[in-house]
Amino acid sequence: MRVIKLKQASPAAWVTTVINAMDAFLPDHAAAEKKASSMAMTMVSHYPDKPELVSAMIDLALEELSHFRAVVKIMHERGLSLLPDEKDPYVNAMREQPRVGKEQYLMDRLLIAGIIEARGAERFGLIAQALPEGDLKRFYQSITRSEQAHQGLFLQLAKQYFPEDAVYVRLDALLDVEAEIVRKLVIRPALH
C-alpha cells in the first residue's frame, strides 16, 4: 500500500522542545487524540450512506479514544491534569483547504485527515527516537505505528470513492500546502 510522503520534515528544534517539556506536551497530545476521535465520529454523522467509511471511522474513533485514555493515564502518573482545549493552528490551516462541492469536499476531507495522520506518525516517531529506553519510548513507538496505519486508511478510503489518478493529483497539491503550513509553525511543546 502506498503511503503519504510528507514534503517537509519537522525541524530538529521541535523534537528538542518537546523532549525538554514533556509535561507540557502530554496535555496537548491528549487533546489531539480526543479531537481525532471526535473527527472520526463527525465523519460517521456526515456520511451515513457510505457503510465502509462508517465502519472504518467507528473503529478509528474507538482507537483514538483508547489513545486518549492511555495519554491521560501517563499524565495522571506524572501528576498532570487535562487542560482546556486550544485551537490547533496546523489543523485549522489544513481545514481551510477543502474545495467546494460534495464529492471534492469528501475527497479533500479524507486526504487532509490522512496527511494529518502522516504528520502525527512522523512527529511521534521523532519523539520515540529521542526518548531514552523505557515505557514512554515504547508507548510512542506504538502510537507511531497506529498513526502510520491511520494515514493509510484515509488514503485507501479516498481511492475507494474516487479515481486513483485524481486522488494522487489532489494529494500532491495538498502536500505542497501542508509543507508550507509546517514551515510557518511556531515551535512549541505541542503536536503541531
N, C-alpha and C. Protein backbone atom coordinates (compact mmCIF):
# COMPACT_ATOMS: atom_id res chain seq x y z
N MET A 1 0.85 -1.19 0.00
CA MET A 1 0.00 0.00 0.00
C MET A 1 0.89 1.24 0.00
N ARG A 2 0.54 2.18 -0.85
CA ARG A 2 1.29 3.44 -0.92
C ARG A 2 0.97 4.30 0.31
N VAL A 3 1.98 4.94 0.82
CA VAL A 3 1.79 5.80 1.98
C VAL A 3 1.93 7.26 1.56
N ILE A 4 1.49 8.12 2.45
CA ILE A 4 1.58 9.55 2.21
C ILE A 4 2.99 10.01 2.58
N LYS A 5 3.69 10.59 1.62
CA LYS A 5 5.05 11.06 1.85
C LYS A 5 5.03 12.57 2.03
N LEU A 6 5.30 12.99 3.24
CA LEU A 6 5.34 14.42 3.55
C LEU A 6 6.47 15.10 2.79
N LYS A 7 6.30 16.37 2.44
CA LYS A 7 7.30 17.10 1.67
C LYS A 7 8.17 18.01 2.52
N GLN A 8 7.85 18.13 3.81
CA GLN A 8 8.62 18.99 4.71
C GLN A 8 8.81 18.24 6.02
N ALA A 9 10.06 18.02 6.40
CA ALA A 9 10.35 17.36 7.67
C ALA A 9 10.13 18.33 8.83
N SER A 10 9.73 17.78 9.95
CA SER A 10 9.64 18.60 11.16
C SER A 10 11.05 18.99 11.59
N PRO A 11 11.23 20.22 12.07
CA PRO A 11 12.58 20.66 12.46
C PRO A 11 13.08 19.96 13.72
N ALA A 12 14.39 19.77 13.79
CA ALA A 12 15.01 19.14 14.96
C ALA A 12 14.71 19.94 16.22
N ALA A 13 14.60 21.25 16.09
CA ALA A 13 14.30 22.09 17.26
C ALA A 13 12.95 21.74 17.87
N TRP A 14 12.01 21.30 17.03
CA TRP A 14 10.71 20.90 17.57
C TRP A 14 10.87 19.68 18.49
N VAL A 15 11.63 18.69 18.05
CA VAL A 15 11.84 17.48 18.86
C VAL A 15 12.49 17.85 20.19
N THR A 16 13.53 18.66 20.14
CA THR A 16 14.22 19.09 21.36
C THR A 16 13.26 19.81 22.30
N THR A 17 12.43 20.67 21.76
CA THR A 17 11.46 21.41 22.56
C THR A 17 10.50 20.47 23.27
N VAL A 18 10.00 19.48 22.55
CA VAL A 18 9.05 18.53 23.14
C VAL A 18 9.72 17.68 24.21
N ILE A 19 10.88 17.14 23.92
CA ILE A 19 11.58 16.27 24.87
C ILE A 19 11.90 17.04 26.16
N ASN A 20 12.26 18.29 26.02
CA ASN A 20 12.60 19.11 27.19
C ASN A 20 11.38 19.64 27.95
N ALA A 21 10.19 19.45 27.37
CA ALA A 21 8.96 19.94 28.02
C ALA A 21 7.85 18.90 27.88
N MET A 22 8.18 17.65 28.19
CA MET A 22 7.21 16.56 28.01
C MET A 22 5.94 16.79 28.83
N ASP A 23 6.07 17.36 30.02
CA ASP A 23 4.87 17.60 30.83
C ASP A 23 3.95 18.65 30.21
N ALA A 24 4.48 19.52 29.40
CA ALA A 24 3.66 20.48 28.66
C ALA A 24 3.09 19.84 27.40
N PHE A 25 3.85 18.91 26.81
CA PHE A 25 3.43 18.26 25.57
C PHE A 25 2.27 17.28 25.80
N LEU A 26 2.32 16.53 26.88
CA LEU A 26 1.33 15.46 27.09
C LEU A 26 -0.12 15.95 27.08
N PRO A 27 -0.47 17.06 27.74
CA PRO A 27 -1.87 17.52 27.65
C PRO A 27 -2.29 17.87 26.22
N ASP A 28 -1.37 18.41 25.44
CA ASP A 28 -1.67 18.72 24.04
C ASP A 28 -1.87 17.42 23.25
N HIS A 29 -1.02 16.44 23.52
CA HIS A 29 -1.17 15.14 22.85
C HIS A 29 -2.53 14.53 23.19
N ALA A 30 -2.91 14.57 24.47
CA ALA A 30 -4.20 14.03 24.87
C ALA A 30 -5.34 14.73 24.12
N ALA A 31 -5.27 16.04 24.04
CA ALA A 31 -6.31 16.81 23.34
C ALA A 31 -6.38 16.41 21.87
N ALA A 32 -5.22 16.18 21.25
CA ALA A 32 -5.20 15.78 19.84
C ALA A 32 -5.88 14.43 19.64
N GLU A 33 -5.65 13.50 20.55
CA GLU A 33 -6.29 12.18 20.43
C GLU A 33 -7.81 12.30 20.61
N LYS A 34 -8.22 13.11 21.56
CA LYS A 34 -9.66 13.32 21.80
C LYS A 34 -10.32 13.93 20.56
N LYS A 35 -9.65 14.94 19.98
CA LYS A 35 -10.19 15.60 18.79
C LYS A 35 -10.23 14.64 17.59
N ALA A 36 -9.23 13.76 17.49
CA ALA A 36 -9.20 12.80 16.39
C ALA A 36 -10.38 11.83 16.50
N SER A 37 -10.69 11.40 17.71
CA SER A 37 -11.85 10.53 17.92
C SER A 37 -13.14 11.24 17.53
N SER A 38 -13.25 12.49 17.93
CA SER A 38 -14.42 13.28 17.61
C SER A 38 -14.56 13.49 16.10
N MET A 39 -13.44 13.75 15.43
CA MET A 39 -13.46 13.94 13.97
C MET A 39 -13.99 12.68 13.27
N ALA A 40 -13.54 11.52 13.74
CA ALA A 40 -13.99 10.26 13.12
C ALA A 40 -15.50 10.10 13.29
N MET A 41 -16.03 10.42 14.45
CA MET A 41 -17.47 10.31 14.66
C MET A 41 -18.25 11.35 13.85
N THR A 42 -17.64 12.50 13.63
CA THR A 42 -18.28 13.51 12.76
C THR A 42 -18.40 12.97 11.34
N MET A 43 -17.37 12.26 10.88
CA MET A 43 -17.43 11.65 9.54
C MET A 43 -18.58 10.63 9.48
N VAL A 44 -18.78 9.87 10.55
CA VAL A 44 -19.89 8.91 10.60
C VAL A 44 -21.21 9.65 10.43
N SER A 45 -21.35 10.76 11.12
CA SER A 45 -22.60 11.54 11.05
C SER A 45 -22.82 12.15 9.68
N HIS A 46 -21.74 12.60 9.03
CA HIS A 46 -21.87 13.28 7.74
C HIS A 46 -22.03 12.34 6.55
N TYR A 47 -21.58 11.08 6.69
CA TYR A 47 -21.61 10.16 5.55
C TYR A 47 -22.25 8.83 5.92
N PRO A 48 -23.47 8.84 6.45
CA PRO A 48 -24.11 7.59 6.87
C PRO A 48 -24.41 6.65 5.71
N ASP A 49 -24.41 7.18 4.48
CA ASP A 49 -24.71 6.38 3.30
C ASP A 49 -23.49 5.64 2.75
N LYS A 50 -22.35 5.74 3.43
CA LYS A 50 -21.12 5.08 2.98
C LYS A 50 -20.70 4.07 4.04
N PRO A 51 -21.21 2.83 3.96
CA PRO A 51 -21.01 1.86 5.04
C PRO A 51 -19.55 1.53 5.33
N GLU A 52 -18.71 1.49 4.30
CA GLU A 52 -17.29 1.19 4.54
C GLU A 52 -16.64 2.32 5.35
N LEU A 53 -16.97 3.55 5.01
CA LEU A 53 -16.43 4.70 5.73
C LEU A 53 -16.96 4.71 7.16
N VAL A 54 -18.24 4.45 7.33
CA VAL A 54 -18.84 4.44 8.67
C VAL A 54 -18.14 3.41 9.55
N SER A 55 -17.99 2.21 9.05
CA SER A 55 -17.35 1.15 9.83
C SER A 55 -15.91 1.51 10.19
N ALA A 56 -15.17 2.03 9.21
CA ALA A 56 -13.77 2.40 9.45
C ALA A 56 -13.66 3.53 10.45
N MET A 57 -14.57 4.51 10.37
CA MET A 57 -14.49 5.66 11.27
C MET A 57 -14.91 5.28 12.70
N ILE A 58 -15.84 4.36 12.85
CA ILE A 58 -16.20 3.89 14.20
C ILE A 58 -14.98 3.22 14.84
N ASP A 59 -14.33 2.34 14.07
CA ASP A 59 -13.13 1.68 14.59
C ASP A 59 -12.05 2.70 14.93
N LEU A 60 -11.87 3.68 14.06
CA LEU A 60 -10.85 4.71 14.29
C LEU A 60 -11.19 5.53 15.54
N ALA A 61 -12.45 5.91 15.69
CA ALA A 61 -12.86 6.69 16.86
C ALA A 61 -12.55 5.94 18.15
N LEU A 62 -12.83 4.65 18.17
CA LEU A 62 -12.55 3.85 19.36
C LEU A 62 -11.04 3.76 19.63
N GLU A 63 -10.26 3.59 18.57
CA GLU A 63 -8.81 3.50 18.74
C GLU A 63 -8.23 4.82 19.24
N GLU A 64 -8.69 5.93 18.65
CA GLU A 64 -8.20 7.24 19.08
C GLU A 64 -8.61 7.51 20.53
N LEU A 65 -9.80 7.09 20.91
CA LEU A 65 -10.25 7.26 22.29
C LEU A 65 -9.40 6.42 23.24
N SER A 66 -8.99 5.23 22.81
CA SER A 66 -8.10 4.42 23.66
C SER A 66 -6.74 5.08 23.79
N HIS A 67 -6.27 5.75 22.73
CA HIS A 67 -5.02 6.51 22.82
C HIS A 67 -5.18 7.67 23.81
N PHE A 68 -6.31 8.33 23.73
CA PHE A 68 -6.60 9.43 24.67
C PHE A 68 -6.53 8.92 26.11
N ARG A 69 -7.19 7.78 26.36
CA ARG A 69 -7.18 7.20 27.70
C ARG A 69 -5.75 6.88 28.14
N ALA A 70 -4.95 6.32 27.23
CA ALA A 70 -3.57 5.96 27.56
C ALA A 70 -2.72 7.19 27.90
N VAL A 71 -2.90 8.27 27.13
CA VAL A 71 -2.14 9.50 27.41
C VAL A 71 -2.58 10.09 28.74
N VAL A 72 -3.88 10.09 29.02
CA VAL A 72 -4.38 10.61 30.29
C VAL A 72 -3.80 9.78 31.45
N LYS A 73 -3.70 8.49 31.28
CA LYS A 73 -3.11 7.64 32.33
C LYS A 73 -1.66 8.04 32.59
N ILE A 74 -0.89 8.24 31.54
CA ILE A 74 0.51 8.69 31.68
C ILE A 74 0.54 10.04 32.40
N MET A 75 -0.36 10.93 32.00
CA MET A 75 -0.41 12.25 32.64
C MET A 75 -0.68 12.13 34.13
N HIS A 76 -1.66 11.31 34.50
CA HIS A 76 -2.01 11.15 35.91
C HIS A 76 -0.84 10.57 36.70
N GLU A 77 -0.12 9.65 36.08
CA GLU A 77 1.06 9.08 36.74
C GLU A 77 2.13 10.14 37.00
N ARG A 78 2.13 11.18 36.18
CA ARG A 78 3.11 12.26 36.32
C ARG A 78 2.54 13.45 37.10
N GLY A 79 1.33 13.29 37.63
CA GLY A 79 0.72 14.36 38.40
C GLY A 79 0.15 15.49 37.55
N LEU A 80 -0.15 15.20 36.29
CA LEU A 80 -0.66 16.21 35.36
C LEU A 80 -2.17 16.07 35.18
N SER A 81 -2.80 17.15 34.81
CA SER A 81 -4.24 17.16 34.54
C SER A 81 -4.49 17.63 33.11
N LEU A 82 -5.67 17.29 32.61
CA LEU A 82 -6.08 17.80 31.31
C LEU A 82 -6.25 19.31 31.37
N LEU A 83 -6.06 19.94 30.24
CA LEU A 83 -6.22 21.39 30.13
C LEU A 83 -7.39 21.68 29.19
N PRO A 84 -7.95 22.87 29.25
CA PRO A 84 -8.99 23.23 28.28
C PRO A 84 -8.43 23.12 26.85
N ASP A 85 -9.27 22.71 25.92
CA ASP A 85 -8.84 22.59 24.53
C ASP A 85 -8.43 23.96 23.99
N GLU A 86 -7.38 23.95 23.18
CA GLU A 86 -6.95 25.15 22.47
C GLU A 86 -7.06 24.88 20.98
N LYS A 87 -7.18 25.93 20.22
CA LYS A 87 -7.20 25.78 18.76
C LYS A 87 -5.83 25.33 18.30
N ASP A 88 -5.81 24.41 17.36
CA ASP A 88 -4.58 23.89 16.79
C ASP A 88 -4.33 24.63 15.48
N PRO A 89 -3.30 25.49 15.42
CA PRO A 89 -3.09 26.30 14.21
C PRO A 89 -2.84 25.45 12.95
N TYR A 90 -2.16 24.34 13.11
CA TYR A 90 -1.88 23.45 11.97
C TYR A 90 -3.17 22.83 11.45
N VAL A 91 -3.93 22.21 12.34
CA VAL A 91 -5.17 21.56 11.93
C VAL A 91 -6.14 22.58 11.35
N ASN A 92 -6.25 23.74 11.98
CA ASN A 92 -7.15 24.77 11.45
C ASN A 92 -6.74 25.23 10.06
N ALA A 93 -5.44 25.38 9.82
CA ALA A 93 -4.97 25.76 8.49
C ALA A 93 -5.27 24.67 7.46
N MET A 94 -5.12 23.42 7.87
CA MET A 94 -5.43 22.32 6.94
C MET A 94 -6.93 22.26 6.66
N ARG A 95 -7.73 22.57 7.64
CA ARG A 95 -9.19 22.50 7.46
C ARG A 95 -9.72 23.61 6.58
N GLU A 96 -8.90 24.58 6.26
CA GLU A 96 -9.31 25.64 5.34
C GLU A 96 -9.15 25.21 3.88
N GLN A 97 -8.58 24.04 3.63
CA GLN A 97 -8.21 23.64 2.28
C GLN A 97 -9.28 22.92 1.46
N PRO A 98 -10.30 22.30 2.06
CA PRO A 98 -11.25 21.56 1.22
C PRO A 98 -11.94 22.44 0.19
N ARG A 99 -12.13 21.83 -0.97
CA ARG A 99 -12.82 22.51 -2.06
C ARG A 99 -14.33 22.44 -1.85
N VAL A 100 -15.04 23.29 -2.56
CA VAL A 100 -16.50 23.31 -2.52
C VAL A 100 -17.01 22.24 -3.47
N GLY A 101 -18.11 21.64 -3.14
CA GLY A 101 -18.69 20.58 -3.96
C GLY A 101 -18.67 19.29 -3.16
N LYS A 102 -19.78 18.58 -3.16
CA LYS A 102 -19.94 17.40 -2.30
C LYS A 102 -18.81 16.39 -2.49
N GLU A 103 -18.53 16.01 -3.72
CA GLU A 103 -17.50 14.99 -3.97
C GLU A 103 -16.09 15.51 -3.68
N GLN A 104 -15.79 16.72 -4.13
CA GLN A 104 -14.47 17.30 -3.89
C GLN A 104 -14.23 17.47 -2.39
N TYR A 105 -15.26 17.88 -1.68
CA TYR A 105 -15.15 18.09 -0.24
C TYR A 105 -14.83 16.78 0.47
N LEU A 106 -15.52 15.70 0.10
CA LEU A 106 -15.25 14.40 0.72
C LEU A 106 -13.83 13.95 0.42
N MET A 107 -13.42 14.05 -0.84
CA MET A 107 -12.05 13.64 -1.18
C MET A 107 -11.04 14.43 -0.34
N ASP A 108 -11.24 15.73 -0.28
CA ASP A 108 -10.30 16.57 0.46
C ASP A 108 -10.31 16.26 1.96
N ARG A 109 -11.47 16.01 2.52
CA ARG A 109 -11.53 15.65 3.95
C ARG A 109 -10.74 14.38 4.22
N LEU A 110 -10.90 13.39 3.36
CA LEU A 110 -10.18 12.14 3.55
C LEU A 110 -8.67 12.35 3.41
N LEU A 111 -8.27 13.08 2.38
CA LEU A 111 -6.84 13.29 2.16
C LEU A 111 -6.22 14.16 3.25
N ILE A 112 -6.92 15.19 3.67
CA ILE A 112 -6.40 16.05 4.74
C ILE A 112 -6.26 15.25 6.03
N ALA A 113 -7.25 14.43 6.34
CA ALA A 113 -7.15 13.58 7.53
C ALA A 113 -5.94 12.64 7.42
N GLY A 114 -5.73 12.09 6.23
CA GLY A 114 -4.57 11.23 6.03
C GLY A 114 -3.25 11.97 6.20
N ILE A 115 -3.19 13.19 5.71
CA ILE A 115 -1.97 13.99 5.85
C ILE A 115 -1.73 14.33 7.32
N ILE A 116 -2.77 14.69 8.03
CA ILE A 116 -2.63 14.99 9.46
C ILE A 116 -2.13 13.76 10.21
N GLU A 117 -2.65 12.59 9.86
CA GLU A 117 -2.18 11.35 10.49
C GLU A 117 -0.72 11.07 10.11
N ALA A 118 -0.36 11.34 8.87
CA ALA A 118 1.03 11.13 8.44
C ALA A 118 1.97 12.06 9.22
N ARG A 119 1.55 13.29 9.43
CA ARG A 119 2.36 14.23 10.22
C ARG A 119 2.45 13.75 11.66
N GLY A 120 1.37 13.25 12.20
CA GLY A 120 1.40 12.70 13.55
C GLY A 120 2.36 11.52 13.64
N ALA A 121 2.33 10.63 12.65
CA ALA A 121 3.25 9.49 12.65
C ALA A 121 4.69 9.96 12.61
N GLU A 122 4.97 10.95 11.78
CA GLU A 122 6.34 11.48 11.70
C GLU A 122 6.77 12.05 13.04
N ARG A 123 5.94 12.86 13.63
CA ARG A 123 6.32 13.55 14.88
C ARG A 123 6.38 12.59 16.06
N PHE A 124 5.44 11.67 16.17
CA PHE A 124 5.51 10.70 17.26
C PHE A 124 6.74 9.80 17.09
N GLY A 125 7.07 9.49 15.85
CA GLY A 125 8.27 8.70 15.59
C GLY A 125 9.53 9.42 16.02
N LEU A 126 9.58 10.72 15.78
CA LEU A 126 10.74 11.53 16.21
C LEU A 126 10.84 11.55 17.74
N ILE A 127 9.70 11.66 18.40
CA ILE A 127 9.70 11.63 19.86
C ILE A 127 10.20 10.28 20.34
N ALA A 128 9.69 9.20 19.76
CA ALA A 128 10.10 7.86 20.17
C ALA A 128 11.60 7.67 20.01
N GLN A 129 12.17 8.16 18.90
CA GLN A 129 13.61 8.04 18.68
C GLN A 129 14.41 8.80 19.72
N ALA A 130 13.90 9.94 20.16
CA ALA A 130 14.65 10.81 21.06
C ALA A 130 14.54 10.40 22.53
N LEU A 131 13.51 9.66 22.87
CA LEU A 131 13.32 9.28 24.27
C LEU A 131 14.29 8.17 24.68
N PRO A 132 14.68 8.15 25.96
CA PRO A 132 15.51 7.04 26.45
C PRO A 132 14.67 5.77 26.53
N GLU A 133 15.34 4.63 26.59
CA GLU A 133 14.63 3.36 26.71
C GLU A 133 13.68 3.39 27.89
N GLY A 134 12.51 2.81 27.72
CA GLY A 134 11.55 2.76 28.81
C GLY A 134 10.13 2.74 28.29
N ASP A 135 9.20 2.80 29.23
CA ASP A 135 7.77 2.69 28.88
C ASP A 135 7.30 3.81 27.96
N LEU A 136 7.77 5.04 28.21
CA LEU A 136 7.31 6.16 27.39
C LEU A 136 7.80 6.01 25.95
N LYS A 137 9.02 5.57 25.77
CA LYS A 137 9.55 5.33 24.42
C LYS A 137 8.71 4.26 23.71
N ARG A 138 8.42 3.15 24.41
CA ARG A 138 7.63 2.08 23.81
C ARG A 138 6.22 2.56 23.47
N PHE A 139 5.65 3.41 24.33
CA PHE A 139 4.33 3.97 24.05
C PHE A 139 4.36 4.79 22.75
N TYR A 140 5.35 5.65 22.60
CA TYR A 140 5.40 6.48 21.39
C TYR A 140 5.76 5.67 20.14
N GLN A 141 6.47 4.58 20.30
CA GLN A 141 6.71 3.69 19.16
C GLN A 141 5.38 3.06 18.72
N SER A 142 4.57 2.66 19.68
CA SER A 142 3.26 2.07 19.38
C SER A 142 2.33 3.09 18.74
N ILE A 143 2.29 4.30 19.27
CA ILE A 143 1.45 5.36 18.70
C ILE A 143 1.89 5.67 17.26
N THR A 144 3.18 5.66 17.02
CA THR A 144 3.70 5.91 15.67
C THR A 144 3.14 4.89 14.69
N ARG A 145 3.18 3.62 15.07
CA ARG A 145 2.66 2.56 14.19
C ARG A 145 1.17 2.76 13.91
N SER A 146 0.43 3.16 14.94
CA SER A 146 -1.02 3.39 14.76
C SER A 146 -1.27 4.54 13.78
N GLU A 147 -0.54 5.64 13.95
CA GLU A 147 -0.72 6.79 13.06
C GLU A 147 -0.36 6.44 11.62
N GLN A 148 0.67 5.62 11.45
CA GLN A 148 1.03 5.18 10.09
C GLN A 148 -0.11 4.40 9.46
N ALA A 149 -0.74 3.54 10.24
CA ALA A 149 -1.87 2.77 9.72
C ALA A 149 -3.05 3.69 9.40
N HIS A 150 -3.27 4.69 10.23
CA HIS A 150 -4.40 5.60 10.01
C HIS A 150 -4.24 6.39 8.72
N GLN A 151 -3.02 6.88 8.45
CA GLN A 151 -2.85 7.63 7.20
C GLN A 151 -3.12 6.73 6.00
N GLY A 152 -2.73 5.47 6.11
CA GLY A 152 -3.02 4.52 5.03
C GLY A 152 -4.51 4.27 4.88
N LEU A 153 -5.22 4.23 5.99
CA LEU A 153 -6.67 4.02 5.96
C LEU A 153 -7.36 5.15 5.20
N PHE A 154 -7.00 6.39 5.50
CA PHE A 154 -7.65 7.52 4.83
C PHE A 154 -7.32 7.54 3.33
N LEU A 155 -6.10 7.22 2.99
CA LEU A 155 -5.72 7.16 1.56
C LEU A 155 -6.49 6.04 0.86
N GLN A 156 -6.61 4.92 1.51
CA GLN A 156 -7.36 3.79 0.94
C GLN A 156 -8.82 4.16 0.74
N LEU A 157 -9.43 4.83 1.71
CA LEU A 157 -10.83 5.25 1.56
C LEU A 157 -10.98 6.24 0.41
N ALA A 158 -10.05 7.17 0.28
CA ALA A 158 -10.12 8.12 -0.84
C ALA A 158 -10.09 7.38 -2.17
N LYS A 159 -9.20 6.38 -2.28
CA LYS A 159 -9.09 5.62 -3.53
C LYS A 159 -10.31 4.73 -3.76
N GLN A 160 -11.00 4.38 -2.69
CA GLN A 160 -12.21 3.57 -2.84
C GLN A 160 -13.34 4.38 -3.46
N TYR A 161 -13.42 5.67 -3.12
CA TYR A 161 -14.53 6.50 -3.57
C TYR A 161 -14.21 7.35 -4.79
N PHE A 162 -12.93 7.49 -5.13
CA PHE A 162 -12.55 8.37 -6.23
C PHE A 162 -11.48 7.72 -7.09
N PRO A 163 -11.36 8.15 -8.37
CA PRO A 163 -10.33 7.58 -9.25
C PRO A 163 -8.93 7.82 -8.67
N GLU A 164 -8.11 6.79 -8.72
CA GLU A 164 -6.78 6.85 -8.10
C GLU A 164 -5.94 8.00 -8.64
N ASP A 165 -5.98 8.23 -9.93
CA ASP A 165 -5.19 9.33 -10.51
C ASP A 165 -5.60 10.67 -9.91
N ALA A 166 -6.91 10.90 -9.79
CA ALA A 166 -7.41 12.16 -9.23
C ALA A 166 -7.00 12.28 -7.76
N VAL A 167 -7.03 11.18 -7.03
CA VAL A 167 -6.63 11.19 -5.62
C VAL A 167 -5.18 11.64 -5.49
N TYR A 168 -4.30 11.06 -6.30
CA TYR A 168 -2.88 11.39 -6.15
C TYR A 168 -2.54 12.80 -6.64
N VAL A 169 -3.26 13.29 -7.63
CA VAL A 169 -3.05 14.67 -8.07
C VAL A 169 -3.44 15.63 -6.94
N ARG A 170 -4.59 15.39 -6.34
CA ARG A 170 -5.03 16.27 -5.26
C ARG A 170 -4.15 16.11 -4.02
N LEU A 171 -3.76 14.89 -3.73
CA LEU A 171 -2.88 14.65 -2.58
C LEU A 171 -1.58 15.43 -2.74
N ASP A 172 -1.01 15.42 -3.93
CA ASP A 172 0.24 16.15 -4.17
C ASP A 172 0.06 17.65 -3.92
N ALA A 173 -1.06 18.20 -4.38
CA ALA A 173 -1.32 19.62 -4.17
C ALA A 173 -1.50 19.93 -2.68
N LEU A 174 -2.22 19.08 -1.98
CA LEU A 174 -2.42 19.30 -0.54
C LEU A 174 -1.12 19.14 0.24
N LEU A 175 -0.25 18.25 -0.21
CA LEU A 175 1.05 18.09 0.46
C LEU A 175 1.92 19.34 0.28
N ASP A 176 1.80 20.00 -0.85
CA ASP A 176 2.51 21.28 -1.04
C ASP A 176 2.03 22.31 -0.03
N VAL A 177 0.71 22.40 0.15
CA VAL A 177 0.13 23.35 1.09
C VAL A 177 0.57 22.99 2.52
N GLU A 178 0.51 21.70 2.85
CA GLU A 178 0.87 21.26 4.19
C GLU A 178 2.32 21.59 4.50
N ALA A 179 3.20 21.41 3.53
CA ALA A 179 4.62 21.72 3.73
C ALA A 179 4.81 23.19 4.08
N GLU A 180 4.08 24.05 3.39
CA GLU A 180 4.17 25.49 3.67
C GLU A 180 3.63 25.82 5.06
N ILE A 181 2.55 25.17 5.44
CA ILE A 181 1.98 25.38 6.78
C ILE A 181 3.00 24.97 7.84
N VAL A 182 3.65 23.82 7.66
CA VAL A 182 4.63 23.33 8.64
C VAL A 182 5.82 24.27 8.73
N ARG A 183 6.25 24.80 7.60
CA ARG A 183 7.38 25.75 7.61
C ARG A 183 7.10 26.98 8.46
N LYS A 184 5.83 27.36 8.55
CA LYS A 184 5.45 28.58 9.27
C LYS A 184 5.04 28.33 10.73
N LEU A 185 4.98 27.07 11.15
CA LEU A 185 4.54 26.79 12.51
C LEU A 185 5.54 27.29 13.54
N VAL A 186 5.02 27.84 14.60
CA VAL A 186 5.85 28.23 15.74
C VAL A 186 6.26 26.96 16.47
N ILE A 187 7.51 26.87 16.84
CA ILE A 187 7.99 25.69 17.57
C ILE A 187 7.57 25.82 19.02
N ARG A 188 6.83 24.83 19.49
CA ARG A 188 6.34 24.83 20.86
C ARG A 188 6.14 23.38 21.30
N PRO A 189 5.98 23.11 22.59
CA PRO A 189 5.80 21.73 23.07
C PRO A 189 4.38 21.26 22.84
N ALA A 190 4.03 21.12 21.57
CA ALA A 190 2.70 20.69 21.15
C ALA A 190 2.88 19.82 19.91
N LEU A 191 1.88 19.01 19.63
CA LEU A 191 1.98 18.12 18.47
C LEU A 191 2.16 18.92 17.19
N HIS A 192 1.47 20.05 17.10
CA HIS A 192 1.60 20.89 15.89
C HIS A 192 1.97 22.31 16.28
